[in-house]
All heavy atoms as atom14 arrays in JSON, in Angstrom:
{
  "sequence": "AQTDDRHCGGCNNACGAGQACTAGQCGASCGAPLTVCGAACTNTQS",
  "atom14_mask": [
    [1, 1, 1, 1, 1, 0, 0, 0, 0, 0, 0, 0, 0, 0],
    [1, 1, 1, 1, 1, 1, 1, 1, 1, 0, 0, 0, 0, 0],
    [1, 1, 1, 1, 1, 1, 1, 0, 0, 0, 0, 0, 0, 0],
    [1, 1, 1, 1, 1, 1, 1, 1, 0, 0, 0, 0, 0, 0],
    [1, 1, 1, 1, 1, 1, 1, 1, 0, 0, 0, 0, 0, 0],
    [1, 1, 1, 1, 1, 1, 1, 1, 1, 1, 1, 0, 0, 0],
    [1, 1, 1, 1, 1, 1, 1, 1, 1, 1, 0, 0, 0, 0],
    [1, 1, 1, 1, 1, 1, 0, 0, 0, 0, 0, 0, 0, 0],
    [1, 1, 1, 1, 0, 0, 0, 0, 0, 0, 0, 0, 0, 0],
    [1, 1, 1, 1, 0, 0, 0, 0, 0, 0, 0, 0, 0, 0],
    [1, 1, 1, 1, 1, 1, 0, 0, 0, 0, 0, 0, 0, 0],
    [1, 1, 1, 1, 1, 1, 1, 1, 0, 0, 0, 0, 0, 0],
    [1, 1, 1, 1, 1, 1, 1, 1, 0, 0, 0, 0, 0, 0],
    [1, 1, 1, 1, 1, 0, 0, 0, 0, 0, 0, 0, 0, 0],
    [1, 1, 1, 1, 1, 1, 0, 0, 0, 0, 0, 0, 0, 0],
    [1, 1, 1, 1, 0, 0, 0, 0, 0, 0, 0, 0, 0, 0],
    [1, 1, 1, 1, 1, 0, 0, 0, 0, 0, 0, 0, 0, 0],
    [1, 1, 1, 1, 0, 0, 0, 0, 0, 0, 0, 0, 0, 0],
    [1, 1, 1, 1, 1, 1, 1, 1, 1, 0, 0, 0, 0, 0],
    [1, 1, 1, 1, 1, 0, 0, 0, 0, 0, 0, 0, 0, 0],
    [1, 1, 1, 1, 1, 1, 0, 0, 0, 0, 0, 0, 0, 0],
    [1, 1, 1, 1, 1, 1, 1, 0, 0, 0, 0, 0, 0, 0],
    [1, 1, 1, 1, 1, 0, 0, 0, 0, 0, 0, 0, 0, 0],
    [1, 1, 1, 1, 0, 0, 0, 0, 0, 0, 0, 0, 0, 0],
    [1, 1, 1, 1, 1, 1, 1, 1, 1, 0, 0, 0, 0, 0],
    [1, 1, 1, 1, 1, 1, 0, 0, 0, 0, 0, 0, 0, 0],
    [1, 1, 1, 1, 0, 0, 0, 0, 0, 0, 0, 0, 0, 0],
    [1, 1, 1, 1, 1, 0, 0, 0, 0, 0, 0, 0, 0, 0],
    [1, 1, 1, 1, 1, 1, 0, 0, 0, 0, 0, 0, 0, 0],
    [1, 1, 1, 1, 1, 1, 0, 0, 0, 0, 0, 0, 0, 0],
    [1, 1, 1, 1, 0, 0, 0, 0, 0, 0, 0, 0, 0, 0],
    [1, 1, 1, 1, 1, 0, 0, 0, 0, 0, 0, 0, 0, 0],
    [1, 1, 1, 1, 1, 1, 1, 0, 0, 0, 0, 0, 0, 0],
    [1, 1, 1, 1, 1, 1, 1, 1, 0, 0, 0, 0, 0, 0],
    [1, 1, 1, 1, 1, 1, 1, 0, 0, 0, 0, 0, 0, 0],
    [1, 1, 1, 1, 1, 1, 1, 0, 0, 0, 0, 0, 0, 0],
    [1, 1, 1, 1, 1, 1, 0, 0, 0, 0, 0, 0, 0, 0],
    [1, 1, 1, 1, 0, 0, 0, 0, 0, 0, 0, 0, 0, 0],
    [1, 1, 1, 1, 1, 0, 0, 0, 0, 0, 0, 0, 0, 0],
    [1, 1, 1, 1, 1, 0, 0, 0, 0, 0, 0, 0, 0, 0],
    [1, 1, 1, 1, 1, 1, 0, 0, 0, 0, 0, 0, 0, 0],
    [1, 1, 1, 1, 1, 1, 1, 0, 0, 0, 0, 0, 0, 0],
    [1, 1, 1, 1, 1, 1, 1, 1, 0, 0, 0, 0, 0, 0],
    [1, 1, 1, 1, 1, 1, 1, 0, 0, 0, 0, 0, 0, 0],
    [1, 1, 1, 1, 1, 1, 1, 1, 1, 0, 0, 0, 0, 0],
    [1, 1, 1, 1, 1, 1, 0, 0, 0, 0, 0, 0, 0, 0]
  ],
  "atom14_positions": [
    [[-4.31, 1.86, 7.15], [-4.8, 2.78, 6.11], [-3.72, 3.08, 5.06], [-3.97, 3.73, 4.07], [-5.32, 4.06, 6.74], [0.0, 0.0, 0.0], [0.0, 0.0, 0.0], [0.0, 0.0, 0.0], [0.0, 0.0, 0.0], [0.0, 0.0, 0.0], [0.0, 0.0, 0.0], [0.0, 0.0, 0.0], [0.0, 0.0, 0.0], [0.0, 0.0, 0.0]],
    [[-2.5, 2.61, 5.3], [-1.41, 2.82, 4.32], [-1.43, 1.76, 3.23], [-0.93, 1.98, 2.14], [-0.07, 2.77, 5.03], [0.14, 3.91, 6.02], [0.09, 5.25, 5.34], [0.9, 5.57, 4.47], [-0.84, 6.09, 5.73], [0.0, 0.0, 0.0], [0.0, 0.0, 0.0], [0.0, 0.0, 0.0], [0.0, 0.0, 0.0], [0.0, 0.0, 0.0]],
    [[-2.1, 0.58, 3.51], [-2.08, -0.54, 2.57], [-3.43, -1.17, 2.32], [-3.54, -2.01, 1.45], [-1.11, -1.64, 3.06], [-1.57, -2.1, 4.34], [0.32, -1.15, 3.16], [0.0, 0.0, 0.0], [0.0, 0.0, 0.0], [0.0, 0.0, 0.0], [0.0, 0.0, 0.0], [0.0, 0.0, 0.0], [0.0, 0.0, 0.0], [0.0, 0.0, 0.0]],
    [[-4.45, -0.8, 3.09], [-5.77, -1.45, 2.95], [-6.56, -0.84, 1.78], [-6.87, 0.35, 1.78], [-6.57, -1.25, 4.26], [-7.81, -2.13, 4.28], [-8.69, -1.98, 3.4], [-7.92, -2.94, 5.2], [0.0, 0.0, 0.0], [0.0, 0.0, 0.0], [0.0, 0.0, 0.0], [0.0, 0.0, 0.0], [0.0, 0.0, 0.0], [0.0, 0.0, 0.0]],
    [[-6.84, -1.66, 0.79], [-7.54, -1.21, -0.42], [-8.94, -0.67, -0.15], [-9.49, 0.11, -0.92], [-7.62, -2.3, -1.47], [-6.23, -2.69, -2.04], [-5.27, -1.88, -1.91], [-6.15, -3.79, -2.59], [0.0, 0.0, 0.0], [0.0, 0.0, 0.0], [0.0, 0.0, 0.0], [0.0, 0.0, 0.0], [0.0, 0.0, 0.0], [0.0, 0.0, 0.0]],
    [[-9.55, -1.11, 0.97], [-10.93, -0.63, 1.29], [-10.91, 0.63, 2.17], [-11.92, 1.33, 2.23], [-11.68, -1.75, 2.03], [-11.94, -2.97, 1.14], [-12.46, -4.16, 1.95], [-11.38, -4.59, 2.87], [-11.56, -4.9, 4.13], [-12.72, -4.89, 4.66], [-10.5, -5.28, 4.86], [0.0, 0.0, 0.0], [0.0, 0.0, 0.0], [0.0, 0.0, 0.0]],
    [[-9.8, 0.91, 2.8], [-9.68, 2.08, 3.67], [-8.34, 2.77, 3.4], [-7.53, 2.97, 4.3], [-9.75, 1.62, 5.15], [-10.98, 0.82, 5.48], [-12.21, 1.41, 5.66], [-11.15, -0.51, 5.65], [-13.13, 0.47, 5.9], [-12.51, -0.69, 5.9], [0.0, 0.0, 0.0], [0.0, 0.0, 0.0], [0.0, 0.0, 0.0], [0.0, 0.0, 0.0]],
    [[-8.11, 3.17, 2.19], [-6.82, 3.73, 1.76], [-6.69, 5.2, 2.16], [-7.4, 6.06, 1.65], [-6.67, 3.56, 0.23], [-5.02, 3.97, -0.31], [0.0, 0.0, 0.0], [0.0, 0.0, 0.0], [0.0, 0.0, 0.0], [0.0, 0.0, 0.0], [0.0, 0.0, 0.0], [0.0, 0.0, 0.0], [0.0, 0.0, 0.0], [0.0, 0.0, 0.0]],
    [[-5.8, 5.46, 3.08], [-5.59, 6.82, 3.57], [-6.56, 7.25, 4.62], [-6.41, 8.27, 5.27], [0.0, 0.0, 0.0], [0.0, 0.0, 0.0], [0.0, 0.0, 0.0], [0.0, 0.0, 0.0], [0.0, 0.0, 0.0], [0.0, 0.0, 0.0], [0.0, 0.0, 0.0], [0.0, 0.0, 0.0], [0.0, 0.0, 0.0], [0.0, 0.0, 0.0]],
    [[-7.63, 6.48, 4.81], [-8.67, 6.79, 5.81], [-9.85, 5.85, 5.64], [-9.94, 5.11, 4.64], [0.0, 0.0, 0.0], [0.0, 0.0, 0.0], [0.0, 0.0, 0.0], [0.0, 0.0, 0.0], [0.0, 0.0, 0.0], [0.0, 0.0, 0.0], [0.0, 0.0, 0.0], [0.0, 0.0, 0.0], [0.0, 0.0, 0.0], [0.0, 0.0, 0.0]],
    [[-10.7, 5.82, 6.63], [-11.83, 4.92, 6.65], [-12.76, 5.09, 5.44], [-13.02, 6.25, 5.04], [-12.62, 5.1, 7.93], [-11.73, 4.65, 9.41], [0.0, 0.0, 0.0], [0.0, 0.0, 0.0], [0.0, 0.0, 0.0], [0.0, 0.0, 0.0], [0.0, 0.0, 0.0], [0.0, 0.0, 0.0], [0.0, 0.0, 0.0], [0.0, 0.0, 0.0]],
    [[-13.19, 4.0, 4.88], [-14.17, 3.93, 3.77], [-13.72, 4.64, 2.52], [-14.52, 5.05, 1.71], [-15.53, 4.48, 4.25], [-16.05, 3.7, 5.45], [-15.95, 2.47, 5.48], [-16.56, 4.41, 6.44], [0.0, 0.0, 0.0], [0.0, 0.0, 0.0], [0.0, 0.0, 0.0], [0.0, 0.0, 0.0], [0.0, 0.0, 0.0], [0.0, 0.0, 0.0]],
    [[-12.42, 4.77, 2.31], [-11.87, 5.35, 1.07], [-11.33, 4.17, 0.23], [-10.14, 3.88, 0.3], [-10.77, 6.38, 1.4], [-10.32, 7.08, 0.13], [-11.06, 7.25, -0.77], [-9.05, 7.46, 0.13], [0.0, 0.0, 0.0], [0.0, 0.0, 0.0], [0.0, 0.0, 0.0], [0.0, 0.0, 0.0], [0.0, 0.0, 0.0], [0.0, 0.0, 0.0]],
    [[-12.24, 3.56, -0.55], [-11.87, 2.34, -1.28], [-11.19, 2.73, -2.63], [-11.57, 3.7, -3.29], [-13.11, 1.52, -1.57], [0.0, 0.0, 0.0], [0.0, 0.0, 0.0], [0.0, 0.0, 0.0], [0.0, 0.0, 0.0], [0.0, 0.0, 0.0], [0.0, 0.0, 0.0], [0.0, 0.0, 0.0], [0.0, 0.0, 0.0], [0.0, 0.0, 0.0]],
    [[-10.16, 1.97, -2.95], [-9.52, 2.13, -4.23], [-10.38, 1.54, -5.34], [-11.15, 0.62, -5.11], [-8.15, 1.43, -4.26], [-6.95, 2.15, -3.13], [0.0, 0.0, 0.0], [0.0, 0.0, 0.0], [0.0, 0.0, 0.0], [0.0, 0.0, 0.0], [0.0, 0.0, 0.0], [0.0, 0.0, 0.0], [0.0, 0.0, 0.0], [0.0, 0.0, 0.0]],
    [[-10.26, 2.09, -6.53], [-11.04, 1.63, -7.68], [-10.52, 0.31, -8.24], [-9.47, -0.17, -7.84], [0.0, 0.0, 0.0], [0.0, 0.0, 0.0], [0.0, 0.0, 0.0], [0.0, 0.0, 0.0], [0.0, 0.0, 0.0], [0.0, 0.0, 0.0], [0.0, 0.0, 0.0], [0.0, 0.0, 0.0], [0.0, 0.0, 0.0], [0.0, 0.0, 0.0]],
    [[-11.26, -0.23, -9.2], [-10.86, -1.46, -9.85], [-9.5, -1.29, -10.49], [-9.2, -0.26, -11.11], [-11.88, -1.84, -10.92], [0.0, 0.0, 0.0], [0.0, 0.0, 0.0], [0.0, 0.0, 0.0], [0.0, 0.0, 0.0], [0.0, 0.0, 0.0], [0.0, 0.0, 0.0], [0.0, 0.0, 0.0], [0.0, 0.0, 0.0], [0.0, 0.0, 0.0]],
    [[-8.63, -2.25, -10.34], [-7.29, -2.21, -10.9], [-6.31, -1.33, -10.16], [-5.2, -1.13, -10.59], [0.0, 0.0, 0.0], [0.0, 0.0, 0.0], [0.0, 0.0, 0.0], [0.0, 0.0, 0.0], [0.0, 0.0, 0.0], [0.0, 0.0, 0.0], [0.0, 0.0, 0.0], [0.0, 0.0, 0.0], [0.0, 0.0, 0.0], [0.0, 0.0, 0.0]],
    [[-6.74, -0.85, -8.97], [-5.88, -0.01, -8.15], [-5.5, -0.73, -6.85], [-6.25, -1.59, -6.4], [-6.54, 1.34, -7.82], [-6.71, 2.23, -8.99], [-7.25, 3.58, -8.54], [-8.08, 3.71, -7.67], [-6.73, 4.63, -9.17], [0.0, 0.0, 0.0], [0.0, 0.0, 0.0], [0.0, 0.0, 0.0], [0.0, 0.0, 0.0], [0.0, 0.0, 0.0]],
    [[-4.43, -0.32, -6.27], [-3.97, -0.83, -4.96], [-3.6, 0.33, -4.06], [-3.26, 1.4, -4.57], [-2.8, -1.8, -5.16], [0.0, 0.0, 0.0], [0.0, 0.0, 0.0], [0.0, 0.0, 0.0], [0.0, 0.0, 0.0], [0.0, 0.0, 0.0], [0.0, 0.0, 0.0], [0.0, 0.0, 0.0], [0.0, 0.0, 0.0], [0.0, 0.0, 0.0]],
    [[-3.66, 0.13, -2.77], [-3.3, 1.18, -1.82], [-1.82, 1.03, -1.45], [-1.4, 0.01, -0.94], [-4.17, 1.02, -0.56], [-3.88, 2.33, 0.65], [0.0, 0.0, 0.0], [0.0, 0.0, 0.0], [0.0, 0.0, 0.0], [0.0, 0.0, 0.0], [0.0, 0.0, 0.0], [0.0, 0.0, 0.0], [0.0, 0.0, 0.0], [0.0, 0.0, 0.0]],
    [[-1.06, 2.06, -1.72], [0.35, 2.12, -1.39], [0.64, 3.44, -0.69], [0.28, 4.51, -1.28], [1.23, 1.95, -2.64], [0.83, 0.76, -3.32], [2.71, 1.9, -2.29], [0.0, 0.0, 0.0], [0.0, 0.0, 0.0], [0.0, 0.0, 0.0], [0.0, 0.0, 0.0], [0.0, 0.0, 0.0], [0.0, 0.0, 0.0], [0.0, 0.0, 0.0]],
    [[1.19, 3.41, 0.48], [1.51, 4.62, 1.25], [0.26, 5.53, 1.4], [0.37, 6.75, 1.34], [2.67, 5.39, 0.63], [0.0, 0.0, 0.0], [0.0, 0.0, 0.0], [0.0, 0.0, 0.0], [0.0, 0.0, 0.0], [0.0, 0.0, 0.0], [0.0, 0.0, 0.0], [0.0, 0.0, 0.0], [0.0, 0.0, 0.0], [0.0, 0.0, 0.0]],
    [[-0.9, 4.91, 1.59], [-2.13, 5.68, 1.81], [-2.71, 6.32, 0.6], [-3.62, 7.14, 0.7], [0.0, 0.0, 0.0], [0.0, 0.0, 0.0], [0.0, 0.0, 0.0], [0.0, 0.0, 0.0], [0.0, 0.0, 0.0], [0.0, 0.0, 0.0], [0.0, 0.0, 0.0], [0.0, 0.0, 0.0], [0.0, 0.0, 0.0], [0.0, 0.0, 0.0]],
    [[-2.23, 5.95, -0.6], [-2.73, 6.51, -1.84], [-3.13, 5.39, -2.78], [-2.42, 4.4, -2.91], [-1.63, 7.34, -2.53], [-1.16, 8.54, -1.74], [-2.19, 9.65, -1.69], [-2.85, 9.93, -2.66], [-2.32, 10.29, -0.55], [0.0, 0.0, 0.0], [0.0, 0.0, 0.0], [0.0, 0.0, 0.0], [0.0, 0.0, 0.0], [0.0, 0.0, 0.0]],
    [[-4.26, 5.56, -3.45], [-4.69, 4.58, -4.44], [-3.9, 4.83, -5.72], [-3.72, 5.99, -6.12], [-6.18, 4.73, -4.76], [-7.25, 4.25, -3.36], [0.0, 0.0, 0.0], [0.0, 0.0, 0.0], [0.0, 0.0, 0.0], [0.0, 0.0, 0.0], [0.0, 0.0, 0.0], [0.0, 0.0, 0.0], [0.0, 0.0, 0.0], [0.0, 0.0, 0.0]],
    [[-3.42, 3.76, -6.34], [-2.65, 3.91, -7.55], [-2.73, 2.63, -8.38], [-3.42, 1.66, -8.02], [0.0, 0.0, 0.0], [0.0, 0.0, 0.0], [0.0, 0.0, 0.0], [0.0, 0.0, 0.0], [0.0, 0.0, 0.0], [0.0, 0.0, 0.0], [0.0, 0.0, 0.0], [0.0, 0.0, 0.0], [0.0, 0.0, 0.0], [0.0, 0.0, 0.0]],
    [[-2.0, 2.62, -9.47], [-2.01, 1.45, -10.35], [-1.58, 0.2, -9.59], [-0.75, 0.24, -8.69], [-1.06, 1.69, -11.51], [0.0, 0.0, 0.0], [0.0, 0.0, 0.0], [0.0, 0.0, 0.0], [0.0, 0.0, 0.0], [0.0, 0.0, 0.0], [0.0, 0.0, 0.0], [0.0, 0.0, 0.0], [0.0, 0.0, 0.0], [0.0, 0.0, 0.0]],
    [[-2.2, -0.9, -9.96], [-1.86, -2.19, -9.36], [-1.11, -2.98, -10.43], [-1.65, -3.22, -11.5], [-3.13, -2.92, -8.9], [-2.8, -4.24, -8.46], [0.0, 0.0, 0.0], [0.0, 0.0, 0.0], [0.0, 0.0, 0.0], [0.0, 0.0, 0.0], [0.0, 0.0, 0.0], [0.0, 0.0, 0.0], [0.0, 0.0, 0.0], [0.0, 0.0, 0.0]],
    [[0.12, -3.33, -10.17], [0.93, -3.98, -11.16], [1.21, -5.42, -10.77], [1.52, -5.71, -9.63], [2.3, -3.25, -11.29], [2.13, -1.5, -11.6], [0.0, 0.0, 0.0], [0.0, 0.0, 0.0], [0.0, 0.0, 0.0], [0.0, 0.0, 0.0], [0.0, 0.0, 0.0], [0.0, 0.0, 0.0], [0.0, 0.0, 0.0], [0.0, 0.0, 0.0]],
    [[1.15, -6.28, -11.74], [1.56, -7.69, -11.52], [3.04, -7.84, -11.78], [3.65, -7.04, -12.47], [0.0, 0.0, 0.0], [0.0, 0.0, 0.0], [0.0, 0.0, 0.0], [0.0, 0.0, 0.0], [0.0, 0.0, 0.0], [0.0, 0.0, 0.0], [0.0, 0.0, 0.0], [0.0, 0.0, 0.0], [0.0, 0.0, 0.0], [0.0, 0.0, 0.0]],
    [[3.64, -8.88, -11.21], [5.05, -9.15, -11.42], [5.32, -9.34, -12.91], [4.51, -9.86, -13.62], [5.44, -10.39, -10.64], [0.0, 0.0, 0.0], [0.0, 0.0, 0.0], [0.0, 0.0, 0.0], [0.0, 0.0, 0.0], [0.0, 0.0, 0.0], [0.0, 0.0, 0.0], [0.0, 0.0, 0.0], [0.0, 0.0, 0.0], [0.0, 0.0, 0.0]],
    [[6.42, -8.87, -13.42], [7.57, -8.28, -12.76], [7.49, -6.78, -12.69], [8.5, -6.1, -12.45], [8.72, -8.7, -13.65], [8.14, -8.64, -15.02], [6.71, -9.12, -14.85], [0.0, 0.0, 0.0], [0.0, 0.0, 0.0], [0.0, 0.0, 0.0], [0.0, 0.0, 0.0], [0.0, 0.0, 0.0], [0.0, 0.0, 0.0], [0.0, 0.0, 0.0]],
    [[6.32, -6.19, -12.88], [6.16, -4.71, -12.9], [6.11, -4.16, -11.51], [5.7, -4.79, -10.54], [4.94, -4.32, -13.71], [4.89, -4.84, -15.16], [3.59, -4.39, -15.83], [6.07, -4.35, -15.93], [0.0, 0.0, 0.0], [0.0, 0.0, 0.0], [0.0, 0.0, 0.0], [0.0, 0.0, 0.0], [0.0, 0.0, 0.0], [0.0, 0.0, 0.0]],
    [[6.55, -2.88, -11.4], [6.55, -2.1, -10.16], [5.85, -0.79, -10.37], [6.0, -0.19, -11.47], [8.03, -1.82, -9.73], [8.71, -3.06, -9.57], [8.09, -1.03, -8.44], [0.0, 0.0, 0.0], [0.0, 0.0, 0.0], [0.0, 0.0, 0.0], [0.0, 0.0, 0.0], [0.0, 0.0, 0.0], [0.0, 0.0, 0.0], [0.0, 0.0, 0.0]],
    [[5.1, -0.29, -9.39], [4.47, 0.98, -9.49], [5.54, 2.06, -9.26], [6.17, 2.12, -8.21], [3.33, 1.17, -8.45], [2.75, 2.58, -8.53], [2.26, 0.13, -8.65], [0.0, 0.0, 0.0], [0.0, 0.0, 0.0], [0.0, 0.0, 0.0], [0.0, 0.0, 0.0], [0.0, 0.0, 0.0], [0.0, 0.0, 0.0], [0.0, 0.0, 0.0]],
    [[5.74, 2.9, -10.28], [6.64, 4.08, -10.15], [5.77, 5.29, -10.47], [5.34, 5.44, -11.64], [7.8, 3.98, -11.16], [9.03, 2.72, -10.71], [0.0, 0.0, 0.0], [0.0, 0.0, 0.0], [0.0, 0.0, 0.0], [0.0, 0.0, 0.0], [0.0, 0.0, 0.0], [0.0, 0.0, 0.0], [0.0, 0.0, 0.0], [0.0, 0.0, 0.0]],
    [[5.5, 6.09, -9.47], [4.58, 7.2, -9.64], [3.18, 6.62, -9.82], [2.68, 5.91, -8.96], [0.0, 0.0, 0.0], [0.0, 0.0, 0.0], [0.0, 0.0, 0.0], [0.0, 0.0, 0.0], [0.0, 0.0, 0.0], [0.0, 0.0, 0.0], [0.0, 0.0, 0.0], [0.0, 0.0, 0.0], [0.0, 0.0, 0.0], [0.0, 0.0, 0.0]],
    [[2.55, 6.91, -10.93], [1.2, 6.41, -11.21], [1.18, 5.37, -12.31], [0.16, 4.99, -12.81], [0.27, 7.56, -11.58], [0.0, 0.0, 0.0], [0.0, 0.0, 0.0], [0.0, 0.0, 0.0], [0.0, 0.0, 0.0], [0.0, 0.0, 0.0], [0.0, 0.0, 0.0], [0.0, 0.0, 0.0], [0.0, 0.0, 0.0], [0.0, 0.0, 0.0]],
    [[2.4, 4.88, -12.68], [2.46, 3.93, -13.81], [3.18, 2.63, -13.41], [3.96, 2.62, -12.45], [3.22, 4.58, -14.98], [0.0, 0.0, 0.0], [0.0, 0.0, 0.0], [0.0, 0.0, 0.0], [0.0, 0.0, 0.0], [0.0, 0.0, 0.0], [0.0, 0.0, 0.0], [0.0, 0.0, 0.0], [0.0, 0.0, 0.0], [0.0, 0.0, 0.0]],
    [[2.9, 1.58, -14.15], [3.6, 0.35, -13.98], [4.82, 0.33, -14.86], [4.76, 0.75, -16.01], [2.72, -0.84, -14.33], [1.26, -1.02, -13.28], [0.0, 0.0, 0.0], [0.0, 0.0, 0.0], [0.0, 0.0, 0.0], [0.0, 0.0, 0.0], [0.0, 0.0, 0.0], [0.0, 0.0, 0.0], [0.0, 0.0, 0.0], [0.0, 0.0, 0.0]],
    [[5.95, -0.09, -14.31], [7.16, -0.14, -15.1], [7.98, -1.37, -14.71], [7.84, -1.92, -13.63], [8.01, 1.14, -14.89], [9.08, 1.13, -15.79], [8.51, 1.24, -13.49], [0.0, 0.0, 0.0], [0.0, 0.0, 0.0], [0.0, 0.0, 0.0], [0.0, 0.0, 0.0], [0.0, 0.0, 0.0], [0.0, 0.0, 0.0], [0.0, 0.0, 0.0]],
    [[8.82, -1.82, -15.65], [9.71, -2.92, -15.39], [11.09, -2.36, -15.02], [11.8, -1.87, -15.87], [9.84, -3.83, -16.61], [10.62, -5.1, -16.32], [11.42, -5.14, -15.38], [10.38, -6.13, -17.11], [0.0, 0.0, 0.0], [0.0, 0.0, 0.0], [0.0, 0.0, 0.0], [0.0, 0.0, 0.0], [0.0, 0.0, 0.0], [0.0, 0.0, 0.0]],
    [[11.4, -2.34, -13.73], [12.65, -1.75, -13.26], [13.88, -2.56, -13.7], [15.01, -2.13, -13.49], [12.65, -1.6, -11.72], [12.46, -2.89, -11.14], [11.57, -0.62, -11.27], [0.0, 0.0, 0.0], [0.0, 0.0, 0.0], [0.0, 0.0, 0.0], [0.0, 0.0, 0.0], [0.0, 0.0, 0.0], [0.0, 0.0, 0.0], [0.0, 0.0, 0.0]],
    [[13.66, -3.67, -14.35], [14.79, -4.47, -14.85], [15.23, -3.98, -16.22], [16.35, -4.26, -16.67], [14.42, -5.95, -14.91], [14.17, -6.57, -13.54], [15.37, -6.46, -12.63], [16.43, -6.99, -12.94], [15.24, -5.76, -11.54], [0.0, 0.0, 0.0], [0.0, 0.0, 0.0], [0.0, 0.0, 0.0], [0.0, 0.0, 0.0], [0.0, 0.0, 0.0]],
    [[14.33, -3.23, -16.94], [14.67, -2.81, -18.3], [14.33, -1.35, -18.62], [14.68, -0.87, -19.7], [13.96, -3.73, -19.31], [12.55, -3.6, -19.15], [0.0, 0.0, 0.0], [0.0, 0.0, 0.0], [0.0, 0.0, 0.0], [0.0, 0.0, 0.0], [0.0, 0.0, 0.0], [0.0, 0.0, 0.0], [0.0, 0.0, 0.0], [0.0, 0.0, 0.0]]
  ]
}
């Protein structure tokens, strides 16, 4: 339930479109080279 997009934080708690489950919370889903920082995608290289 910490990483499953269909059961995020608990059973049947699905993340919305464009979101991913991280540490049991649905948040922004970022493609490389971006990283989720808080609720936003950021490039930690710049």
